[in-house]
Amino acid sequence: MSNESFATAVPAAIRRATQERPAAGGWTVRILAPEGVHELRLSSQRQVGRLALELERLGFALDVDARSETDFVFALETADAP
């Protein structure tokens, strides 16, 4: 997928995931995309799941080695990943 496509697809996925009203608590999600870093706060597991599925469809993977305060970090999968 081209960088231009990511520039529109990732924000669209974020908009869809955040359509529910925010509540207290929740999770912080960071998305490492070619056009930049997106950070957002989601209030429900449903929102996190919806976003994760859409990001996976776009070629992103959960970065389990991320060393940050963020609950979830998604990055594009690389060709050398198993």
Protein backbone atom coordinates (compact mmCIF):
# COMPACT_ATOMS: atom_id res chain seq x y z
CA MET A 1 0.00 0.00 0.00
CA SER A 2 1.37 3.43 -0.87
CA ASN A 3 2.09 6.10 1.74
CA GLU A 4 -0.78 8.17 0.30
CA SER A 5 -3.15 5.28 0.88
CA PHE A 6 -1.96 4.93 4.49
CA ALA A 7 -2.42 8.67 4.95
CA THR A 8 -6.15 8.23 4.36
CA ALA A 9 -6.75 4.65 5.57
CA VAL A 10 -5.26 5.00 9.06
CA PRO A 11 -7.19 8.18 10.01
CA ALA A 12 -10.38 6.57 8.64
CA ALA A 13 -9.80 3.50 10.84
CA ILE A 14 -9.26 5.78 13.85
CA ARG A 15 -12.49 7.70 13.13
CA ARG A 16 -14.50 4.50 12.92
CA ALA A 17 -13.00 3.13 16.15
CA THR A 18 -13.65 6.32 18.10
CA GLN A 19 -17.29 6.84 17.15
CA GLU A 20 -18.42 5.80 20.64
CA ARG A 21 -18.44 8.40 23.37
CA PRO A 22 -15.34 8.30 25.57
CA ALA A 23 -15.72 7.05 29.14
CA ALA A 24 -13.46 7.17 32.15
CA GLY A 25 -10.51 4.81 31.98
CA GLY A 26 -9.63 3.02 28.80
CA TRP A 27 -6.52 2.33 26.80
CA THR A 28 -3.93 4.40 24.99
CA VAL A 29 -3.13 3.26 21.45
CA ARG A 30 -0.15 4.40 19.38
CA ILE A 31 -0.03 3.72 15.63
CA LEU A 32 3.34 4.02 13.89
CA ALA A 33 2.34 4.79 10.31
CA PRO A 34 4.46 5.94 7.34
CA GLU A 35 2.98 9.45 7.51
CA GLY A 36 3.58 9.80 11.25
CA VAL A 37 2.59 8.66 14.71
CA HIS A 38 -1.06 8.64 15.75
CA GLU A 39 -1.91 8.41 19.44
CA LEU A 40 -5.44 8.07 20.75
CA ARG A 41 -7.40 7.03 23.80
CA LEU A 42 -10.13 4.40 23.46
CA SER A 43 -12.65 3.67 26.19
CA SER A 44 -13.91 0.16 25.37
CA GLN A 45 -12.55 -3.22 24.38
CA ARG A 46 -14.90 -3.10 21.40
CA GLN A 47 -13.18 0.05 20.12
CA VAL A 48 -9.72 -1.46 20.60
CA GLY A 49 -10.79 -4.68 18.86
CA ARG A 50 -12.39 -2.86 15.93
CA LEU A 51 -9.29 -0.73 15.42
CA ALA A 52 -6.94 -3.71 15.79
CA LEU A 53 -8.84 -5.70 13.14
CA GLU A 54 -8.81 -2.81 10.70
CA LEU A 55 -5.12 -2.09 11.29
CA GLU A 56 -4.30 -5.77 10.78
CA ARG A 57 -6.13 -5.64 7.45
CA LEU A 58 -3.90 -2.69 6.50
CA GLY A 59 -0.72 -4.63 7.33
CA PHE A 60 -0.08 -3.44 10.89
CA ALA A 61 0.86 -5.74 13.76
CA LEU A 62 0.80 -5.34 17.50
CA ASP A 63 4.32 -4.43 18.60
CA VAL A 64 4.81 -6.60 21.68
CA ASP A 65 8.35 -5.33 22.27
CA ALA A 66 7.33 -1.68 22.52
CA ARG A 67 8.87 -0.07 25.58
CA SER A 68 6.46 2.74 26.34
CA GLU A 69 3.68 3.82 28.64
CA THR A 70 1.22 3.13 25.83
CA ASP A 71 -1.13 0.17 26.26
CA PHE A 72 -1.03 -0.89 22.60
CA VAL A 73 1.46 -0.02 19.85
CA PHE A 74 0.79 -0.98 16.24
CA ALA A 75 3.47 -0.81 13.55
CA LEU A 76 3.68 -1.95 9.95
CA GLU A 77 4.91 -5.50 9.63
CA THR A 78 8.31 -5.78 8.00
CA ALA A 79 9.24 -8.29 5.33
CA ASP A 80 11.76 -9.99 7.65
CA ALA A 81 9.17 -10.66 10.37
CA PRO A 82 8.41 -14.38 10.96
